[in-house]
C-alpha atoms as a PDB file:
ATOM      1  CA  MET A   1      56.388 106.023 -64.034  1.00  0.00           C
ATOM      2  CA  ASN A   2      52.947 104.502 -64.611  1.00  0.00           C
ATOM      3  CA  LEU A   3      50.728 103.457 -61.713  1.00  0.00           C
ATOM      4  CA  LEU A   4      51.076  99.704 -62.335  1.00  0.00           C
ATOM      5  CA  LYS A   5      54.865  99.925 -62.358  1.00  0.00           C
ATOM      6  CA  PHE A   6      54.858 102.064 -59.207  1.00  0.00           C
ATOM      7  CA  LYS A   7      52.623  99.548 -57.377  1.00  0.00           C
ATOM      8  CA  THR A   8      54.931  96.712 -58.470  1.00  0.00           C
ATOM      9  CA  VAL A   9      57.980  98.529 -57.081  1.00  0.00           C
ATOM     10  CA  VAL A  10      56.213  99.292 -53.778  1.00  0.00           C
ATOM     11  CA  ALA A  11      55.111  95.650 -53.430  1.00  0.00           C
ATOM     12  CA  ALA A  12      58.655  94.445 -54.129  1.00  0.00           C
ATOM     13  CA  SER A  13      59.972  96.894 -51.522  1.00  0.00           C
ATOM     14  CA  LEU A  14      57.589  95.545 -48.868  1.00  0.00           C
ATOM     15  CA  VAL A  15      58.692  91.991 -49.593  1.00  0.00           C
ATOM     16  CA  ALA A  16      62.337  93.045 -49.297  1.00  0.00           C
ATOM     17  CA  LEU A  17      61.709  94.893 -46.036  1.00  0.00           C
ATOM     18  CA  SER A  18      60.006  91.910 -44.448  1.00  0.00           C
ATOM     19  CA  GLY A  19      62.750  89.484 -45.467  1.00  0.00           C
ATOM     20  CA  VAL A  20      65.459  87.867 -43.360  1.00  0.00           C
ATOM     21  CA  ALA A  21      67.699  90.387 -41.612  1.00  0.00           C
ATOM     22  CA  GLN A  22      70.955  90.938 -43.453  1.00  0.00           C
ATOM     23  CA  ALA A  23      74.323  92.495 -42.704  1.00  0.00           C
ATOM     24  CA  GLU A  24      74.327  96.112 -41.582  1.00  0.00           C
ATOM     25  CA  VAL A  25      75.687  98.564 -44.128  1.00  0.00           C
ATOM     26  CA  GLU A  26      76.781 102.160 -44.490  1.00  0.00           C
ATOM     27  CA  LEU A  27      76.234 104.058 -47.746  1.00  0.00           C
ATOM     28  CA  VAL A  28      78.358 107.162 -48.246  1.00  0.00           C
ATOM     29  CA  PHE A  29      77.398 109.975 -50.617  1.00  0.00           C
ATOM     30  CA  LYS A  30      78.996 113.361 -51.232  1.00  0.00           C
ATOM     31  CA  SER A  31      77.420 116.700 -52.044  1.00  0.00           C
ATOM     32  CA  GLY A  32      78.274 120.370 -51.868  1.00  0.00           C
ATOM     33  CA  LEU A  33      77.861 120.118 -48.102  1.00  0.00           C
ATOM     34  CA  GLY A  34      80.436 117.323 -47.800  1.00  0.00           C
ATOM     35  CA  GLN A  35      79.908 113.622 -47.179  1.00  0.00           C
ATOM     36  CA  GLN A  36      76.683 112.098 -45.917  1.00  0.00           C
ATOM     37  CA  SER A  37      76.536 108.682 -44.281  1.00  0.00           C
ATOM     38  CA  PHE A  38      73.408 106.505 -44.403  1.00  0.00           C
ATOM     39  CA  LYS A  39      73.607 103.683 -41.849  1.00  0.00           C
ATOM     40  CA  ILE A  40      71.112 100.851 -42.325  1.00  0.00           C
ATOM     41  CA  LYS A  41      70.299  98.255 -39.672  1.00  0.00           C
ATOM     42  CA  GLY A  42      67.308  96.012 -40.383  1.00  0.00           C
ATOM     43  CA  HIS A  43      64.457  98.233 -41.576  1.00  0.00           C
ATOM     44  CA  THR A  44      65.838 101.371 -39.864  1.00  0.00           C
ATOM     45  CA  MET A  45      68.209 103.964 -41.284  1.00  0.00           C
ATOM     46  CA  ARG A  46      70.214 106.687 -39.553  1.00  0.00           C
ATOM     47  CA  MET A  47      71.759 109.797 -41.116  1.00  0.00           C
ATOM     48  CA  ASP A  48      73.959 112.078 -38.993  1.00  0.00           C
ATOM     49  CA  ASN A  49      74.253 115.846 -39.375  1.00  0.00           C
ATOM     50  CA  ALA A  50      76.327 118.344 -37.403  1.00  0.00           C
ATOM     51  CA  ALA A  51      74.170 118.595 -34.265  1.00  0.00           C
ATOM     52  CA  GLN A  52      71.307 116.234 -35.100  1.00  0.00           C
ATOM     53  CA  TYR A  53      70.589 112.871 -36.620  1.00  0.00           C
ATOM     54  CA  GLN A  54      67.655 111.439 -38.534  1.00  0.00           C
ATOM     55  CA  LEU A  55      66.054 108.071 -37.856  1.00  0.00           C
ATOM     56  CA  PHE A  56      63.831 106.558 -40.529  1.00  0.00           C
ATOM     57  CA  ASP A  57      61.705 103.469 -39.895  1.00  0.00           C
ATOM     58  CA  ALA A  58      60.904 102.004 -43.318  1.00  0.00           C
ATOM     59  CA  LEU A  59      58.246  99.611 -42.004  1.00  0.00           C
ATOM     60  CA  LYS A  60      56.340 102.285 -40.077  1.00  0.00           C
ATOM     61  CA  ASN A  61      57.196 104.885 -42.743  1.00  0.00           C
ATOM     62  CA  LYS A  62      58.163 107.456 -40.096  1.00  0.00           C
ATOM     63  CA  LEU A  63      61.043 109.926 -39.992  1.00  0.00           C
ATOM     64  CA  TYR A  64      62.383 111.520 -36.800  1.00  0.00           C
ATOM     65  CA  VAL A  65      64.944 114.288 -36.288  1.00  0.00           C
ATOM     66  CA  VAL A  66      66.775 113.850 -32.980  1.00  0.00           C
ATOM     67  CA  THR A  67      68.740 116.606 -31.199  1.00  0.00           C
ATOM     68  CA  PRO A  68      70.905 115.098 -28.430  1.00  0.00           C
ATOM     69  CA  THR A  69      72.066 118.492 -27.076  1.00  0.00           C
ATOM     70  CA  SER A  70      68.489 119.454 -26.152  1.00  0.00           C
ATOM     71  CA  LYS A  71      67.443 115.836 -25.497  1.00  0.00           C
ATOM     72  CA  SER A  72      64.519 116.224 -27.872  1.00  0.00           C
ATOM     73  CA  TYR A  73      63.097 114.844 -31.112  1.00  0.00           C
ATOM     74  CA  MET A  74      60.467 115.674 -33.693  1.00  0.00           C
ATOM     75  CA  GLU A  75      58.544 113.513 -36.151  1.00  0.00           C
ATOM     76  CA  MET A  76      58.761 114.903 -39.691  1.00  0.00           C
ATOM     77  CA  SER A  77      55.286 114.266 -41.067  1.00  0.00           C
ATOM     78  CA  ASN A  78      53.650 115.151 -44.368  1.00  0.00           C
ATOM     79  CA  ASN A  79      51.631 117.672 -42.399  1.00  0.00           C
ATOM     80  CA  MET A  80      54.706 118.976 -40.597  1.00  0.00           C
ATOM     81  CA  PHE A  81      54.232 122.625 -41.562  1.00  0.00           C
ATOM     82  CA  GLY A  82      50.542 122.510 -40.722  1.00  0.00           C
ATOM     83  CA  ASP A  83      51.315 120.945 -37.328  1.00  0.00           C
ATOM     84  CA  LEU A  84      53.978 123.538 -36.525  1.00  0.00           C
ATOM     85  CA  SER A  85      51.801 126.396 -37.698  1.00  0.00           C
ATOM     86  CA  ALA A  86      48.973 125.230 -35.409  1.00  0.00           C
ATOM     87  CA  LEU A  87      51.421 124.887 -32.521  1.00  0.00           C
ATOM     88  CA  LEU A  88      52.828 128.379 -33.043  1.00  0.00           C
ATOM     89  CA  THR A  89      49.324 129.827 -33.237  1.00  0.00           C
ATOM     90  CA  LYS A  90      48.491 128.203 -29.909  1.00  0.00           C
ATOM     91  CA  GLN A  91      51.745 129.412 -28.359  1.00  0.00           C
ATOM     92  CA  GLU A  92      51.167 132.928 -29.649  1.00  0.00           C
ATOM     93  CA  ALA A  93      47.700 133.047 -28.068  1.00  0.00           C
ATOM     94  CA  GLU A  94      49.127 131.874 -24.723  1.00  0.00           C
ATOM     95  CA  LEU A  95      51.915 134.452 -24.785  1.00  0.00           C
ATOM     96  CA  LYS A  96      49.596 137.290 -25.764  1.00  0.00           C
ATOM     97  CA  LYS A  97      47.388 136.399 -22.816  1.00  0.00           C
ATOM     98  CA  LEU A  98      50.391 136.483 -20.480  1.00  0.00           C
ATOM     99  CA  GLN A  99      51.552 139.711 -22.096  1.00  0.00           C
ATOM    100  CA  SER A 100      48.312 141.453 -21.252  1.00  0.00           C
ATOM    101  CA  GLN A 101      48.378 140.074 -17.725  1.00  0.00           C
ATOM    102  CA  GLU A 102      52.025 140.650 -16.849  1.00  0.00           C
ATOM    103  CA  GLY A 103      53.290 143.257 -19.327  1.00  0.00           C
ATOM    104  CA  LEU A 104      55.704 140.918 -21.151  1.00  0.00           C
ATOM    105  CA  GLU A 105      57.639 141.985 -24.250  1.00  0.00           C
ATOM    106  CA  ASN A 106      55.815 141.708 -27.570  1.00  0.00           C
ATOM    107  CA  VAL A 107      55.707 138.427 -29.487  1.00  0.00           C
ATOM    108  CA  ALA A 108      56.463 139.755 -32.971  1.00  0.00           C
ATOM    109  CA  HIS A 109      59.120 137.080 -33.463  1.00  0.00           C
ATOM    110  CA  LEU A 110      56.462 134.382 -33.130  1.00  0.00           C
ATOM    111  CA  GLU A 111      54.283 136.156 -35.668  1.00  0.00           C
ATOM    112  CA  THR A 112      57.221 136.255 -38.094  1.00  0.00           C
ATOM    113  CA  ALA A 113      57.946 132.549 -37.591  1.00  0.00           C
ATOM    114  CA  LYS A 114      54.295 131.652 -38.041  1.00  0.00           C
ATOM    115  CA  ASN A 115      54.049 133.636 -41.297  1.00  0.00           C
ATOM    116  CA  ALA A 116      57.202 131.972 -42.637  1.00  0.00           C
ATOM    117  CA  LEU A 117      55.784 128.529 -41.916  1.00  0.00           C
ATOM    118  CA  ARG A 118      52.496 129.396 -43.564  1.00  0.00           C
ATOM    119  CA  MET A 119      54.329 130.612 -46.664  1.00  0.00           C
ATOM    120  CA  ALA A 120      56.247 127.317 -46.799  1.00  0.00           C
ATOM    121  CA  GLU A 121      53.000 125.390 -46.338  1.00  0.00           C
ATOM    122  CA  GLN A 122      51.409 127.328 -49.209  1.00  0.00           C
ATOM    123  CA  GLN A 123      54.399 126.617 -51.475  1.00  0.00           C
ATOM    124  CA  ILE A 124      54.100 122.890 -50.768  1.00  0.00           C
ATOM    125  CA  LYS A 125      50.384 122.963 -51.566  1.00  0.00           C
ATOM    126  CA  GLN A 126      51.141 124.730 -54.839  1.00  0.00           C
ATOM    127  CA  LEU A 127      53.824 122.178 -55.706  1.00  0.00           C
ATOM    128  CA  LYS A 128      51.437 119.302 -55.021  1.00  0.00           C
ATOM    129  CA  SER A 129      48.826 120.828 -57.326  1.00  0.00           C
ATOM    130  CA  ASN A 130      51.196 121.144 -60.276  1.00  0.00           C
ATOM    131  CA  GLY A 131      50.767 117.635 -61.632  1.00  0.00           C
ATOM    132  CA  SER A 132      52.344 114.220 -61.220  1.00  0.00           C
ATOM    133  CA  ASN A 133      55.996 113.228 -61.195  1.00  0.00           C
ATOM    134  CA  GLN A 134      57.628 112.282 -64.452  1.00  0.00           C
ATOM    135  CA  LEU A 135      60.612 109.999 -64.886  1.00  0.00           C
ATOM    136  CA  LYS A 136      61.931 109.911 -68.440  1.00  0.00           C
ATOM    137  CA  LYS A 137      64.595 107.453 -69.595  1.00  0.00           C
ATOM    138  CA  LEU A 138      67.337 109.223 -71.559  1.00  0.00           C
ATOM    139  CA  ASN A 139      68.880 106.076 -73.137  1.00  0.00           C
ATOM    140  CA  GLN A 140      72.316 107.149 -71.926  1.00  0.00           C
ATOM    141  CA  ARG A 141      74.698 105.682 -69.403  1.00  0.00           C
ATOM    142  CA  ALA A 142      77.364 107.235 -67.183  1.00  0.00           C
ATOM    143  CA  ARG A 143      80.023 106.081 -64.722  1.00  0.00           C
ATOM    144  CA  ILE A 144      80.022 107.465 -61.199  1.00  0.00           C
ATOM    145  CA  ASN A 145      83.084 106.500 -59.156  1.00  0.00           C
ATOM    146  CA  GLY A 146      83.562 103.451 -61.345  1.00  0.00           C
ATOM    147  CA  ILE A 147      79.905 102.330 -61.188  1.00  0.00           C
ATOM    148  CA  SER A 148      77.847 102.177 -64.374  1.00  0.00           C
ATOM    149  CA  CYS A 149      74.414 103.783 -64.161  1.00  0.00           C
ATOM    150  CA  GLU A 150      71.514 104.685 -66.432  1.00  0.00           C
ATOM    151  CA  LEU A 151      70.413 108.300 -66.862  1.00  0.00           C
ATOM    152  CA  TYR A 152      66.858 109.526 -66.358  1.00  0.00           C
ATOM    153  CA  GLU A 153      65.234 112.932 -66.263  1.00  0.00           C
ATOM    154  CA  PHE A 154      63.044 113.586 -63.247  1.00  0.00           C
ATOM    155  CA  SER A 155      60.634 116.512 -63.277  1.00  0.00           C
ATOM    156  CA  VAL A 156      57.783 117.723 -61.105  1.00  0.00           C
ATOM    157  CA  ALA A 157      56.396 121.261 -61.142  1.00  0.00           C
ATOM    158  CA  MET A 158      59.419 123.578 -61.428  1.00  0.00           C
ATOM    159  CA  LEU A 159      61.926 120.957 -60.258  1.00  0.00           C
ATOM    160  CA  GLN A 160      64.041 119.253 -62.939  1.00  0.00           C
ATOM    161  CA  GLN A 161      66.890 116.902 -62.122  1.00  0.00           C
ATOM    162  CA  GLN A 162      69.058 114.349 -63.856  1.00  0.00           C
ATOM    163  CA  VAL A 163      69.136 111.055 -61.936  1.00  0.00           C
ATOM    164  CA  CYS A 164      71.461 108.127 -62.611  1.00  0.00           C
ATOM    165  CA  PHE A 165      70.231 104.711 -61.387  1.00  0.00           C
ATOM    166  CA  ALA A 166      72.632 101.794 -60.772  1.00  0.00           C
ATOM    167  CA  ASP A 167      71.884  98.110 -60.280  1.00  0.00           C
ATOM    168  CA  ILE A 168      72.167  97.280 -56.584  1.00  0.00           C
ATOM    169  CA  ALA A 169      74.296  94.216 -57.426  1.00  0.00           C
ATOM    170  CA  ASP A 170      76.924  96.507 -58.984  1.00  0.00           C
ATOM    171  CA  ILE A 171      77.494  98.346 -55.707  1.00  0.00           C
ATOM    172  CA  GLY A 172      77.118  95.348 -53.390  1.00  0.00           C
ATOM    173  CA  LEU A 173      73.773  96.349 -51.906  1.00  0.00           C
ATOM    174  CA  SER A 174      71.053  93.863 -50.950  1.00  0.00           C
ATOM    175  CA  ALA A 175      67.394  94.207 -51.956  1.00  0.00           C
ATOM    176  CA  GLN A 176      66.507  94.794 -48.289  1.00  0.00           C
ATOM    177  CA  HIS A 177      68.948  97.663 -47.866  1.00  0.00           C
ATOM    178  CA  ALA A 178      67.937  99.180 -51.195  1.00  0.00           C
ATOM    179  CA  ALA A 179      64.264  99.054 -50.146  1.00  0.00           C
ATOM    180  CA  VAL A 180      65.027 100.981 -46.947  1.00  0.00           C
ATOM    181  CA  PHE A 181      67.100 103.605 -48.754  1.00  0.00           C
ATOM    182  CA  ASN A 182      64.545 104.057 -51.547  1.00  0.00           C
ATOM    183  CA  ARG A 183      61.669 104.335 -49.070  1.00  0.00           C
ATOM    184  CA  TYR A 184      63.617 107.077 -47.260  1.00  0.00           C
ATOM    185  CA  GLN A 185      64.206 108.942 -50.536  1.00  0.00           C
ATOM    186  CA  GLN A 186      60.486 108.801 -51.297  1.00  0.00           C
ATOM    187  CA  TYR A 187      59.510 110.005 -47.827  1.00  0.00           C
ATOM    188  CA  VAL A 188      61.926 112.945 -47.835  1.00  0.00           C
ATOM    189  CA  GLY A 189      60.650 113.936 -51.266  1.00  0.00           C
ATOM    190  CA  SER A 190      57.057 113.800 -50.061  1.00  0.00           C
ATOM    191  CA  LEU A 191      57.883 116.364 -47.356  1.00  0.00           C
ATOM    192  CA  SER A 192      58.568 118.821 -50.172  1.00  0.00           C
ATOM    193  CA  GLY A 193      55.440 117.915 -52.089  1.00  0.00           C
ATOM    194  CA  TYR A 194      56.716 115.221 -54.430  1.00  0.00           C
ATOM    195  CA  THR A 195      57.787 111.583 -54.330  1.00  0.00           C
ATOM    196  CA  MET A 196      61.086 110.596 -55.900  1.00  0.00           C
ATOM    197  CA  PRO A 197      60.332 107.601 -58.180  1.00  0.00           C
ATOM    198  CA  THR A 198      62.324 104.433 -57.544  1.00  0.00           C
ATOM    199  CA  LEU A 199      63.209 101.503 -59.770  1.00  0.00           C
ATOM    200  CA  GLU A 200      63.188  97.872 -58.670  1.00  0.00           C
ATOM    201  CA  ASN A 201      66.628  96.564 -57.645  1.00  0.00           C
ATOM    202  CA  LYS A 202      68.211  99.958 -58.411  1.00  0.00           C
ATOM    203  CA  ILE A 203      69.133 103.060 -56.412  1.00  0.00           C
ATOM    204  CA  SER A 204      69.977 106.589 -57.512  1.00  0.00           C
ATOM    205  CA  ILE A 205      73.736 107.137 -57.195  1.00  0.00           C
ATOM    206  CA  ASP A 206      73.887 110.575 -58.816  1.00  0.00           C
ATOM    207  CA  VAL A 207      71.338 113.401 -58.645  1.00  0.00           C
ATOM    208  CA  SER A 208      72.338 116.565 -60.490  1.00  0.00           C
ATOM    209  CA  PRO A 209      70.740 119.766 -61.777  1.00  0.00           C
ATOM    210  CA  LEU A 210      69.306 119.126 -65.235  1.00  0.00           C
ATOM    211  CA  GLY A 211      71.819 119.978 -67.941  1.00  0.00           C
ATOM    212  CA  SER A 212      74.959 119.303 -65.886  1.00  0.00           C
ATOM    213  CA  GLN A 213      77.422 116.576 -66.743  1.00  0.00           C
ATOM    214  CA  PRO A 214      77.045 113.262 -64.869  1.00  0.00           C
ATOM    215  CA  GLY A 215      79.249 113.311 -61.792  1.00  0.00           C
ATOM    216  CA  GLN A 216      79.672 117.097 -61.828  1.00  0.00           C
ATOM    217  CA  GLN A 217      77.790 119.743 -59.827  1.00  0.00           C
ATOM    218  CA  SER A 218      75.962 116.881 -58.175  1.00  0.00           C
ATOM    219  CA  SER A 219      73.379 117.412 -55.485  1.00  0.00           C
ATOM    220  CA  SER A 220      74.208 113.905 -54.263  1.00  0.00           C
ATOM    221  CA  GLN A 221      76.755 111.407 -55.570  1.00  0.00           C
ATOM    222  CA  PHE A 222      77.518 107.838 -54.445  1.00  0.00           C
ATOM    223  CA  VAL A 223      80.979 107.193 -52.989  1.00  0.00           C
ATOM    224  CA  ARG A 224      80.995 103.705 -51.446  1.00  0.00           C
ATOM    225  CA  VAL A 225      79.111 101.054 -49.494  1.00  0.00           C
ATOM    226  CA  LYS A 226      80.595  98.926 -46.712  1.00  0.00           C
ATOM    227  CA  GLU A 227      79.421  96.436 -44.104  1.00  0.00           C
ATOM    228  CA  VAL A 228      79.584  97.736 -40.540  1.00  0.00           C
ATOM    229  CA  ASN A 229      78.288  96.534 -37.163  1.00  0.00           C
ATOM    230  CA  PHE A 230      76.349  99.274 -35.384  1.00  0.00           C
ATOM    231  CA  PRO A 231      75.254  99.414 -31.714  1.00  0.00           C
ATOM    232  CA  ALA A 232      71.487  98.949 -31.469  1.00  0.00           C
ATOM    233  CA  LYS A 233      71.126 102.156 -29.409  1.00  0.00           C
ATOM    234  CA  GLN A 234      72.146 104.211 -32.449  1.00  0.00           C
ATOM    235  CA  PHE A 235      68.842 103.245 -34.076  1.00  0.00           C
ATOM    236  CA  SER A 236      66.458 104.203 -31.293  1.00  0.00           C
ATOM    237  CA  ILE A 237      65.427 107.379 -29.505  1.00  0.00           C
ATOM    238  CA  ASP A 238      66.432 107.686 -25.863  1.00  0.00           C
ATOM    239  CA  PRO A 239      63.188 107.294 -23.858  1.00  0.00           C
ATOM    240  CA  SER A 240      64.135 110.319 -21.736  1.00  0.00           C
ATOM    241  CA  TYR A 241      64.087 112.627 -24.786  1.00  0.00           C
ATOM    242  CA  LYS A 242      61.100 114.960 -25.129  1.00  0.00           C
ATOM    243  CA  ASN A 243      58.847 115.236 -28.153  1.00  0.00           C
ATOM    244  CA  MET A 244      59.227 118.839 -29.374  1.00  0.00           C
ATOM    245  CA  MET A 245      55.535 119.036 -30.181  1.00  0.00           C
ATOM    246  CA  ASP A 246      54.756 118.442 -26.491  1.00  0.00           C
ATOM    247  CA  ILE A 247      57.045 121.125 -25.060  1.00  0.00           C
ATOM    248  CA  PRO A 248      54.978 124.138 -23.899  1.00  0.00           C
ATOM    249  CA  ALA A 249      55.791 127.580 -25.250  1.00  0.00           C
ATOM    250  CA  LEU A 250      56.405 129.072 -21.834  1.00  0.00           C
ATOM    251  CA  SER A 251      56.721 127.272 -18.524  1.00  0.00           C
ATOM    252  CA  ARG A 252      55.702 129.219 -15.475  1.00  0.00           C
ATOM    253  CA  LYS A 253      57.402 128.445 -12.204  1.00  0.00           C
END
C-alpha cells in the first residue's frame, strides 16, 4: 500500500470515528482457538478471553488488558516489552537488596523472565528493521460463509498471509464500526512490529497462512455480525482496579 493511499484510509477512518454514534454491534470470528467476539460501542471495542478482556479506544489509540480476578489492568503499548523489561530490572534490584539483608531465596526466576522479555524485544526490533509491509492484490475472489471477498497477499519480514477483504455493506457493518475494528487490527499488529494494512470501507474476513485454501486453516474467519445493546460498564475499567505497572514487586508489612 503506497503512502498516499494509506494516509487517505487513515483520514477516512478518523472521519468515520468522529461521526454520529450508531447502533452497537458484535462481530464474531472463529479460529483454531474457537470463536472470538468483538463488541463495538461508539469508538470503543471489547474482546473477551477466558480470564481477561481487552478494551480498545480507537480515538485515543490505546489498548488495555483487564483481569477481573486480580482487579488489575495493563496498557499494551508499542514499548510494552521495553516497559516490562525495565520494571523487572527494577524489581530484581529491589529483591536482591532484600535478599542480602534478610537471606531471602534467590531470584533466578526473575532473571529468566527478564531474559525472555529481552529476547522478545530484540525479535520485534529485528522484525521492524526488515522493511515495509506489502499488500499485493491477487485478482481472485472467494466466499467466506456466504460473503464475497477479494484476496490479497500480505507480507512483512518472514510473515506471509493470505487476507480476504469484504465490502462492509455486504456484511451489514457501518463505516464507523469498520473504522474501530480496522484501527484495532492495526494496533495489535504494531505490537508485533508490523501494521496490518486496511482498505477503505472494507474489513478482513479471512486471514490464512499463505498457500492455504480460502476458508480453510484460517487464523481468523468471519462468522456473523449482529446489533446488540451493551451495558456501558462493559466498556470501561473499574476505577478500583490497579494498574499492573504500579504494583510493587514485593510489599513489606
